[in-house]
Amino acid sequence: MRFRQLDEITELEPGKRIVARRTLRAEEDYLRDHFPHFPVMPGVMMLEACFQAAMWMVRTGEDFASPLVTLHEARGIKFADFLSPGETLVIRAEMLKEEGPLVQVKVEASKGERTTVSGRLVLQKQGIPLPPRIGADEEMCRRTREQFRALFGRHVG
């Protein structure tokens, strides 16, 4: 993950809900261009933070059984405020429903009392498109579990 958009997970009910935090730092690479005299976190990065929180919620809910959890669809996304360097985004994701490999999640990110972005995401759980004999799914699940422990270890049972 080139742009890790979560600093910490503050609450986690695996597979049900998650609350995470992300503080925007002035030295982040993309702020030089977005915008030089008014640096703000790009909306797509706020949406990425929401996706990453939802992805970890889904993965922990099934004990990392799905090798890949991807963004299938974003619905009703509304951007309402900027996030400037030094400000902290609090991301909340809540499971709405699951139908086969598709998981619908309600997301909202805010700074203080102000919502910055909200909407619904549809995530898709899937395997790696390689022959099972290669063992890519199992390896990816193992690596994902290790990555979660390294980033957010205190939330792993």
N, C-alpha and C. Protein backbone atom coordinates (compact mmCIF):
# COMPACT_ATOMS: atom_id res chain seq x y z
N MET A 1 0.84 -1.16 0.00
CA MET A 1 0.00 0.00 0.00
C MET A 1 0.90 1.24 0.00
N ARG A 2 0.92 1.98 -1.08
CA ARG A 2 1.80 3.15 -1.17
C ARG A 2 1.34 4.27 -0.25
N PHE A 3 0.05 4.55 -0.25
CA PHE A 3 -0.48 5.61 0.59
C PHE A 3 -1.33 5.01 1.70
N ARG A 4 -0.68 4.71 2.81
CA ARG A 4 -1.41 4.20 3.96
C ARG A 4 -2.16 5.37 4.58
N GLN A 5 -3.47 5.28 4.64
CA GLN A 5 -4.29 6.40 5.07
C GLN A 5 -4.83 6.28 6.49
N LEU A 6 -4.37 5.31 7.25
CA LEU A 6 -4.80 5.17 8.64
C LEU A 6 -3.59 5.18 9.55
N ASP A 7 -3.65 5.98 10.60
CA ASP A 7 -2.59 6.00 11.59
C ASP A 7 -2.85 5.00 12.71
N GLU A 8 -4.11 4.89 13.11
CA GLU A 8 -4.45 3.97 14.17
C GLU A 8 -5.92 3.58 14.10
N ILE A 9 -6.21 2.44 14.67
CA ILE A 9 -7.58 1.99 14.84
C ILE A 9 -7.91 2.19 16.30
N THR A 10 -8.97 2.93 16.58
CA THR A 10 -9.32 3.22 17.97
C THR A 10 -10.44 2.32 18.49
N GLU A 11 -11.27 1.81 17.59
CA GLU A 11 -12.33 0.88 17.97
C GLU A 11 -12.48 -0.14 16.85
N LEU A 12 -12.76 -1.37 17.23
CA LEU A 12 -12.94 -2.42 16.23
C LEU A 12 -13.86 -3.51 16.76
N GLU A 13 -14.94 -3.73 16.04
CA GLU A 13 -15.79 -4.91 16.21
C GLU A 13 -15.65 -5.65 14.89
N PRO A 14 -14.78 -6.65 14.83
CA PRO A 14 -14.49 -7.32 13.56
C PRO A 14 -15.75 -7.69 12.77
N GLY A 15 -15.76 -7.25 11.52
CA GLY A 15 -16.88 -7.55 10.64
C GLY A 15 -18.12 -6.71 10.86
N LYS A 16 -18.10 -5.82 11.86
CA LYS A 16 -19.30 -5.03 12.17
C LYS A 16 -19.06 -3.53 12.07
N ARG A 17 -18.03 -3.05 12.76
CA ARG A 17 -17.75 -1.61 12.74
C ARG A 17 -16.30 -1.34 13.11
N ILE A 18 -15.84 -0.17 12.67
CA ILE A 18 -14.47 0.24 12.95
C ILE A 18 -14.42 1.75 13.05
N VAL A 19 -13.54 2.24 13.90
CA VAL A 19 -13.25 3.67 13.98
C VAL A 19 -11.73 3.79 13.91
N ALA A 20 -11.27 4.65 13.01
CA ALA A 20 -9.83 4.84 12.80
C ALA A 20 -9.53 6.33 12.72
N ARG A 21 -8.25 6.66 12.86
CA ARG A 21 -7.82 8.06 12.81
C ARG A 21 -6.70 8.23 11.79
N ARG A 22 -6.67 9.44 11.24
CA ARG A 22 -5.63 9.80 10.27
C ARG A 22 -5.33 11.27 10.41
N THR A 23 -4.11 11.61 10.81
CA THR A 23 -3.70 13.01 10.92
C THR A 23 -2.90 13.37 9.68
N LEU A 24 -3.31 14.46 9.02
CA LEU A 24 -2.63 14.91 7.80
C LEU A 24 -1.37 15.68 8.20
N ARG A 25 -0.24 15.27 7.63
CA ARG A 25 1.04 15.91 7.92
C ARG A 25 1.45 16.84 6.76
N ALA A 26 2.01 17.97 7.09
CA ALA A 26 2.35 18.99 6.09
C ALA A 26 3.36 18.50 5.06
N GLU A 27 4.21 17.53 5.43
CA GLU A 27 5.26 17.08 4.51
C GLU A 27 4.81 16.00 3.53
N GLU A 28 3.52 15.67 3.53
CA GLU A 28 3.07 14.61 2.62
C GLU A 28 3.24 15.05 1.17
N ASP A 29 3.76 14.13 0.38
CA ASP A 29 4.18 14.39 -0.99
C ASP A 29 3.12 15.07 -1.85
N TYR A 30 1.91 14.58 -1.82
CA TYR A 30 0.88 15.09 -2.72
C TYR A 30 0.38 16.49 -2.36
N LEU A 31 0.72 16.99 -1.18
CA LEU A 31 0.27 18.33 -0.79
C LEU A 31 1.01 19.44 -1.54
N ARG A 32 2.16 19.13 -2.11
CA ARG A 32 2.88 20.15 -2.88
C ARG A 32 2.05 20.62 -4.07
N ASP A 33 1.26 19.73 -4.62
CA ASP A 33 0.46 20.08 -5.80
C ASP A 33 -1.02 20.29 -5.46
N HIS A 34 -1.41 20.01 -4.25
CA HIS A 34 -2.85 20.05 -3.91
C HIS A 34 -3.08 20.82 -2.63
N PHE A 35 -3.04 22.02 -2.58
CA PHE A 35 -2.67 23.04 -3.56
C PHE A 35 -1.52 23.83 -2.97
N PRO A 36 -0.60 24.39 -3.76
CA PRO A 36 0.61 25.00 -3.22
C PRO A 36 0.38 26.05 -2.12
N HIS A 37 -0.64 26.89 -2.25
CA HIS A 37 -0.87 27.94 -1.25
C HIS A 37 -2.06 27.64 -0.35
N PHE A 38 -2.69 26.51 -0.56
CA PHE A 38 -3.83 26.09 0.26
C PHE A 38 -3.83 24.56 0.31
N PRO A 39 -2.84 23.97 1.02
CA PRO A 39 -2.72 22.50 1.02
C PRO A 39 -3.89 21.85 1.75
N VAL A 40 -4.56 20.93 1.05
CA VAL A 40 -5.65 20.15 1.64
C VAL A 40 -5.55 18.72 1.13
N MET A 41 -6.06 17.81 1.92
CA MET A 41 -6.06 16.41 1.53
C MET A 41 -7.03 16.23 0.35
N PRO A 42 -6.58 15.64 -0.74
CA PRO A 42 -7.47 15.41 -1.88
C PRO A 42 -8.66 14.53 -1.46
N GLY A 43 -9.81 14.83 -2.03
CA GLY A 43 -11.01 14.06 -1.72
C GLY A 43 -10.83 12.58 -1.95
N VAL A 44 -10.10 12.21 -3.00
CA VAL A 44 -9.89 10.80 -3.29
C VAL A 44 -9.08 10.12 -2.18
N MET A 45 -8.20 10.87 -1.51
CA MET A 45 -7.44 10.31 -0.40
C MET A 45 -8.32 10.14 0.84
N MET A 46 -9.26 11.06 1.05
CA MET A 46 -10.21 10.89 2.15
C MET A 46 -11.07 9.64 1.90
N LEU A 47 -11.48 9.47 0.65
CA LEU A 47 -12.26 8.29 0.28
C LEU A 47 -11.42 7.02 0.45
N GLU A 48 -10.14 7.10 0.11
CA GLU A 48 -9.23 5.97 0.30
C GLU A 48 -9.11 5.61 1.78
N ALA A 49 -9.06 6.60 2.65
CA ALA A 49 -9.02 6.34 4.09
C ALA A 49 -10.27 5.58 4.53
N CYS A 50 -11.42 5.98 4.00
CA CYS A 50 -12.68 5.28 4.31
C CYS A 50 -12.63 3.84 3.81
N PHE A 51 -12.14 3.66 2.59
CA PHE A 51 -12.01 2.31 2.04
C PHE A 51 -11.08 1.45 2.89
N GLN A 52 -9.92 2.00 3.26
CA GLN A 52 -8.96 1.21 4.02
C GLN A 52 -9.54 0.79 5.37
N ALA A 53 -10.27 1.68 6.03
CA ALA A 53 -10.91 1.31 7.30
C ALA A 53 -11.93 0.19 7.07
N ALA A 54 -12.77 0.35 6.05
CA ALA A 54 -13.79 -0.66 5.75
C ALA A 54 -13.14 -2.00 5.38
N MET A 55 -12.06 -1.95 4.63
CA MET A 55 -11.36 -3.17 4.23
C MET A 55 -10.86 -3.93 5.45
N TRP A 56 -10.24 -3.23 6.42
CA TRP A 56 -9.74 -3.90 7.62
C TRP A 56 -10.89 -4.45 8.45
N MET A 57 -12.02 -3.73 8.48
CA MET A 57 -13.17 -4.23 9.21
C MET A 57 -13.65 -5.56 8.62
N VAL A 58 -13.73 -5.62 7.29
CA VAL A 58 -14.16 -6.84 6.61
C VAL A 58 -13.16 -7.96 6.85
N ARG A 59 -11.89 -7.67 6.64
CA ARG A 59 -10.86 -8.71 6.79
C ARG A 59 -10.81 -9.30 8.19
N THR A 60 -10.89 -8.45 9.21
CA THR A 60 -10.85 -8.96 10.58
C THR A 60 -12.10 -9.75 10.93
N GLY A 61 -13.22 -9.42 10.28
CA GLY A 61 -14.48 -10.11 10.56
C GLY A 61 -14.50 -11.55 10.11
N GLU A 62 -13.63 -11.89 9.19
CA GLU A 62 -13.56 -13.28 8.71
C GLU A 62 -12.18 -13.87 8.95
N ASP A 63 -11.47 -13.32 9.91
CA ASP A 63 -10.13 -13.77 10.27
C ASP A 63 -9.21 -13.85 9.05
N PHE A 64 -9.28 -12.82 8.22
CA PHE A 64 -8.38 -12.65 7.07
C PHE A 64 -8.51 -13.78 6.04
N ALA A 65 -9.69 -14.36 5.89
CA ALA A 65 -9.89 -15.49 4.98
C ALA A 65 -9.91 -15.10 3.50
N SER A 66 -10.27 -13.85 3.18
CA SER A 66 -10.30 -13.42 1.77
C SER A 66 -8.97 -12.78 1.41
N PRO A 67 -8.29 -13.32 0.42
CA PRO A 67 -6.99 -12.78 0.03
C PRO A 67 -7.06 -11.33 -0.44
N LEU A 68 -8.13 -10.99 -1.18
CA LEU A 68 -8.28 -9.63 -1.69
C LEU A 68 -9.64 -9.07 -1.28
N VAL A 69 -9.63 -7.82 -0.85
CA VAL A 69 -10.86 -7.07 -0.60
C VAL A 69 -10.69 -5.78 -1.38
N THR A 70 -11.49 -5.62 -2.42
CA THR A 70 -11.34 -4.47 -3.32
C THR A 70 -12.59 -3.60 -3.29
N LEU A 71 -12.41 -2.36 -3.74
CA LEU A 71 -13.54 -1.45 -3.86
C LEU A 71 -14.28 -1.78 -5.15
N HIS A 72 -15.51 -2.20 -5.02
CA HIS A 72 -16.35 -2.57 -6.16
C HIS A 72 -17.17 -1.36 -6.64
N GLU A 73 -17.64 -0.56 -5.68
CA GLU A 73 -18.49 0.57 -6.04
C GLU A 73 -18.52 1.58 -4.89
N ALA A 74 -18.62 2.86 -5.24
CA ALA A 74 -18.83 3.93 -4.26
C ALA A 74 -20.16 4.59 -4.60
N ARG A 75 -21.03 4.68 -3.60
CA ARG A 75 -22.38 5.20 -3.82
C ARG A 75 -22.65 6.42 -2.94
N GLY A 76 -23.29 7.42 -3.53
CA GLY A 76 -23.75 8.58 -2.76
C GLY A 76 -22.65 9.28 -1.99
N ILE A 77 -21.48 9.36 -2.56
CA ILE A 77 -20.35 10.00 -1.87
C ILE A 77 -20.56 11.51 -1.85
N LYS A 78 -20.45 12.10 -0.65
CA LYS A 78 -20.62 13.54 -0.49
C LYS A 78 -19.40 14.09 0.23
N PHE A 79 -18.79 15.10 -0.35
CA PHE A 79 -17.67 15.79 0.26
C PHE A 79 -18.21 17.08 0.85
N ALA A 80 -17.87 17.36 2.11
CA ALA A 80 -18.47 18.50 2.78
C ALA A 80 -17.46 19.49 3.38
N ASP A 81 -16.20 19.08 3.53
CA ASP A 81 -15.22 19.98 4.14
C ASP A 81 -13.81 19.55 3.76
N PHE A 82 -12.86 20.45 3.97
CA PHE A 82 -11.46 20.19 3.69
C PHE A 82 -10.76 19.62 4.92
N LEU A 83 -9.63 18.97 4.69
CA LEU A 83 -8.75 18.54 5.78
C LEU A 83 -7.39 19.17 5.50
N SER A 84 -6.92 19.99 6.42
CA SER A 84 -5.66 20.69 6.27
C SER A 84 -4.58 20.04 7.13
N PRO A 85 -3.30 20.29 6.81
CA PRO A 85 -2.22 19.73 7.63
C PRO A 85 -2.41 20.04 9.11
N GLY A 86 -2.16 19.02 9.92
CA GLY A 86 -2.32 19.15 11.37
C GLY A 86 -3.70 18.72 11.86
N GLU A 87 -4.66 18.61 10.96
CA GLU A 87 -6.00 18.20 11.37
C GLU A 87 -6.12 16.67 11.31
N THR A 88 -7.00 16.14 12.14
CA THR A 88 -7.19 14.70 12.22
C THR A 88 -8.56 14.30 11.69
N LEU A 89 -8.54 13.31 10.84
CA LEU A 89 -9.75 12.73 10.27
C LEU A 89 -10.12 11.51 11.11
N VAL A 90 -11.35 11.44 11.55
CA VAL A 90 -11.85 10.26 12.26
C VAL A 90 -12.78 9.54 11.29
N ILE A 91 -12.43 8.31 10.98
CA ILE A 91 -13.15 7.52 9.98
C ILE A 91 -13.97 6.45 10.69
N ARG A 92 -15.24 6.38 10.32
CA ARG A 92 -16.13 5.36 10.88
C ARG A 92 -16.71 4.55 9.72
N ALA A 93 -16.69 3.24 9.87
CA ALA A 93 -17.29 2.36 8.87
C ALA A 93 -18.15 1.34 9.61
N GLU A 94 -19.31 1.07 9.04
CA GLU A 94 -20.25 0.14 9.65
C GLU A 94 -20.83 -0.78 8.59
N MET A 95 -20.82 -2.07 8.88
CA MET A 95 -21.37 -3.08 7.97
C MET A 95 -22.87 -2.87 7.84
N LEU A 96 -23.36 -2.85 6.61
CA LEU A 96 -24.80 -2.76 6.37
C LEU A 96 -25.36 -4.11 5.97
N LYS A 97 -24.76 -4.72 4.94
CA LYS A 97 -25.22 -6.06 4.54
C LYS A 97 -24.15 -6.75 3.71
N GLU A 98 -24.31 -8.06 3.65
CA GLU A 98 -23.37 -8.89 2.90
C GLU A 98 -24.18 -9.83 2.02
N GLU A 99 -23.84 -9.85 0.74
CA GLU A 99 -24.50 -10.73 -0.22
C GLU A 99 -23.42 -11.43 -1.02
N GLY A 100 -23.13 -12.67 -0.66
CA GLY A 100 -22.05 -13.40 -1.32
C GLY A 100 -20.74 -12.69 -1.09
N PRO A 101 -20.01 -12.42 -2.18
CA PRO A 101 -18.71 -11.76 -2.02
C PRO A 101 -18.81 -10.24 -1.84
N LEU A 102 -20.01 -9.66 -1.98
CA LEU A 102 -20.16 -8.22 -1.89
C LEU A 102 -20.58 -7.80 -0.48
N VAL A 103 -19.93 -6.76 0.01
CA VAL A 103 -20.19 -6.24 1.36
C VAL A 103 -20.49 -4.76 1.23
N GLN A 104 -21.66 -4.36 1.71
CA GLN A 104 -22.04 -2.95 1.67
C GLN A 104 -21.75 -2.31 3.03
N VAL A 105 -21.06 -1.17 2.99
CA VAL A 105 -20.58 -0.51 4.19
C VAL A 105 -20.96 0.97 4.16
N LYS A 106 -21.44 1.47 5.29
CA LYS A 106 -21.69 2.91 5.45
C LYS A 106 -20.41 3.52 6.00
N VAL A 107 -19.93 4.61 5.38
CA VAL A 107 -18.71 5.27 5.84
C VAL A 107 -18.97 6.75 6.09
N GLU A 108 -18.23 7.27 7.07
CA GLU A 108 -18.28 8.70 7.34
C GLU A 108 -16.94 9.10 7.94
N ALA A 109 -16.40 10.20 7.48
CA ALA A 109 -15.16 10.73 8.04
C ALA A 109 -15.43 12.17 8.47
N SER A 110 -14.85 12.52 9.60
CA SER A 110 -15.11 13.86 10.13
C SER A 110 -13.86 14.42 10.80
N LYS A 111 -13.86 15.73 10.95
CA LYS A 111 -12.84 16.41 11.75
C LYS A 111 -13.62 17.20 12.79
N GLY A 112 -13.38 16.88 14.03
CA GLY A 112 -14.18 17.49 15.08
C GLY A 112 -15.65 17.11 14.87
N GLU A 113 -16.51 18.11 14.85
CA GLU A 113 -17.94 17.87 14.67
C GLU A 113 -18.37 17.98 13.20
N ARG A 114 -17.43 18.28 12.30
CA ARG A 114 -17.77 18.50 10.89
C ARG A 114 -17.47 17.28 10.04
N THR A 115 -18.47 16.83 9.30
CA THR A 115 -18.28 15.72 8.36
C THR A 115 -17.49 16.22 7.16
N THR A 116 -16.50 15.43 6.74
CA THR A 116 -15.72 15.79 5.55
C THR A 116 -16.15 14.97 4.35
N VAL A 117 -16.47 13.70 4.56
CA VAL A 117 -16.92 12.83 3.47
C VAL A 117 -17.82 11.74 4.05
N SER A 118 -18.84 11.35 3.28
CA SER A 118 -19.73 10.28 3.71
C SER A 118 -20.28 9.56 2.49
N GLY A 119 -20.80 8.38 2.70
CA GLY A 119 -21.40 7.61 1.61
C GLY A 119 -21.44 6.14 1.94
N ARG A 120 -21.63 5.35 0.90
CA ARG A 120 -21.66 3.89 1.03
C ARG A 120 -20.64 3.30 0.07
N LEU A 121 -19.95 2.29 0.54
CA LEU A 121 -19.00 1.58 -0.30
C LEU A 121 -19.45 0.14 -0.43
N VAL A 122 -19.23 -0.41 -1.61
CA VAL A 122 -19.46 -1.83 -1.82
C VAL A 122 -18.09 -2.44 -2.06
N LEU A 123 -17.70 -3.34 -1.16
CA LEU A 123 -16.42 -4.03 -1.26
C LEU A 123 -16.65 -5.43 -1.78
N GLN A 124 -15.66 -5.96 -2.46
CA GLN A 124 -15.77 -7.32 -2.99
C GLN A 124 -14.64 -8.18 -2.45
N LYS A 125 -15.03 -9.31 -1.85
CA LYS A 125 -14.06 -10.29 -1.37
C LYS A 125 -13.79 -11.26 -2.51
N GLN A 126 -12.51 -11.52 -2.77
CA GLN A 126 -12.17 -12.41 -3.88
C GLN A 126 -10.82 -13.07 -3.69
N GLY A 127 -10.62 -14.12 -4.42
CA GLY A 127 -9.34 -14.81 -4.42
C GLY A 127 -8.41 -14.23 -5.47
N ILE A 128 -7.19 -14.68 -5.44
CA ILE A 128 -6.20 -14.26 -6.44
C ILE A 128 -6.37 -15.15 -7.67
N PRO A 129 -6.45 -14.55 -8.85
CA PRO A 129 -6.72 -15.34 -10.05
C PRO A 129 -5.52 -16.16 -10.54
N LEU A 130 -5.06 -17.07 -9.70
CA LEU A 130 -3.98 -17.99 -10.05
C LEU A 130 -4.42 -19.40 -9.66
N PRO A 131 -3.85 -20.41 -10.26
CA PRO A 131 -4.23 -21.78 -9.89
C PRO A 131 -4.02 -22.04 -8.39
N PRO A 132 -4.96 -22.72 -7.74
CA PRO A 132 -4.87 -23.00 -6.30
C PRO A 132 -3.57 -23.70 -5.90
N ARG A 133 -3.02 -24.52 -6.78
CA ARG A 133 -1.81 -25.27 -6.42
C ARG A 133 -0.62 -24.37 -6.10
N ILE A 134 -0.67 -23.13 -6.56
CA ILE A 134 0.42 -22.18 -6.31
C ILE A 134 0.38 -21.70 -4.85
N GLY A 135 -0.80 -21.69 -4.26
CA GLY A 135 -0.93 -21.27 -2.86
C GLY A 135 -0.93 -19.76 -2.65
N ALA A 136 -1.24 -19.00 -3.69
CA ALA A 136 -1.20 -17.54 -3.59
C ALA A 136 -2.24 -17.01 -2.60
N ASP A 137 -3.44 -17.61 -2.57
CA ASP A 137 -4.47 -17.14 -1.64
C ASP A 137 -4.01 -17.28 -0.19
N GLU A 138 -3.48 -18.44 0.16
CA GLU A 138 -3.03 -18.67 1.53
C GLU A 138 -1.88 -17.72 1.90
N GLU A 139 -0.97 -17.53 0.97
CA GLU A 139 0.17 -16.64 1.22
C GLU A 139 -0.30 -15.21 1.41
N MET A 140 -1.24 -14.76 0.58
CA MET A 140 -1.76 -13.39 0.71
C MET A 140 -2.50 -13.22 2.04
N CYS A 141 -3.27 -14.20 2.45
CA CYS A 141 -3.97 -14.13 3.75
C CYS A 141 -2.97 -14.04 4.89
N ARG A 142 -1.91 -14.83 4.83
CA ARG A 142 -0.88 -14.80 5.86
C ARG A 142 -0.21 -13.42 5.92
N ARG A 143 0.14 -12.89 4.76
CA ARG A 143 0.82 -11.59 4.71
C ARG A 143 -0.11 -10.46 5.19
N THR A 144 -1.37 -10.55 4.84
CA THR A 144 -2.34 -9.53 5.26
C THR A 144 -2.50 -9.54 6.78
N ARG A 145 -2.59 -10.71 7.37
CA ARG A 145 -2.69 -10.84 8.82
C ARG A 145 -1.44 -10.25 9.48
N GLU A 146 -0.26 -10.53 8.93
CA GLU A 146 0.99 -9.97 9.47
C GLU A 146 1.03 -8.46 9.33
N GLN A 147 0.57 -7.95 8.20
CA GLN A 147 0.55 -6.51 7.99
C GLN A 147 -0.36 -5.83 9.00
N PHE A 148 -1.53 -6.40 9.23
CA PHE A 148 -2.46 -5.84 10.21
C PHE A 148 -1.83 -5.82 11.60
N ARG A 149 -1.20 -6.91 11.97
CA ARG A 149 -0.55 -6.98 13.30
C ARG A 149 0.56 -5.94 13.42
N ALA A 150 1.32 -5.75 12.36
CA ALA A 150 2.41 -4.76 12.40
C ALA A 150 1.86 -3.33 12.51
N LEU A 151 0.77 -3.05 11.81
CA LEU A 151 0.22 -1.70 11.81
C LEU A 151 -0.65 -1.40 13.02
N PHE A 152 -1.47 -2.38 13.39
CA PHE A 152 -2.49 -2.14 14.41
C PHE A 152 -2.54 -3.26 15.43
N GLY A 153 -1.40 -3.79 15.81
CA GLY A 153 -1.29 -5.00 16.62
C GLY A 153 -2.15 -5.12 17.84
N ARG A 154 -2.43 -4.04 18.52
CA ARG A 154 -3.18 -4.15 19.77
C ARG A 154 -4.63 -4.55 19.54
N HIS A 155 -5.08 -4.57 18.30
CA HIS A 155 -6.47 -4.95 18.00
C HIS A 155 -6.60 -6.38 17.51
N VAL A 156 -5.52 -7.12 17.51
CA VAL A 156 -5.56 -8.50 17.04
C VAL A 156 -5.71 -9.40 18.25
N GLY A 157 -6.68 -10.32 18.14
CA GLY A 157 -6.93 -11.25 19.25
C GLY A 157 -5.94 -12.38 19.27
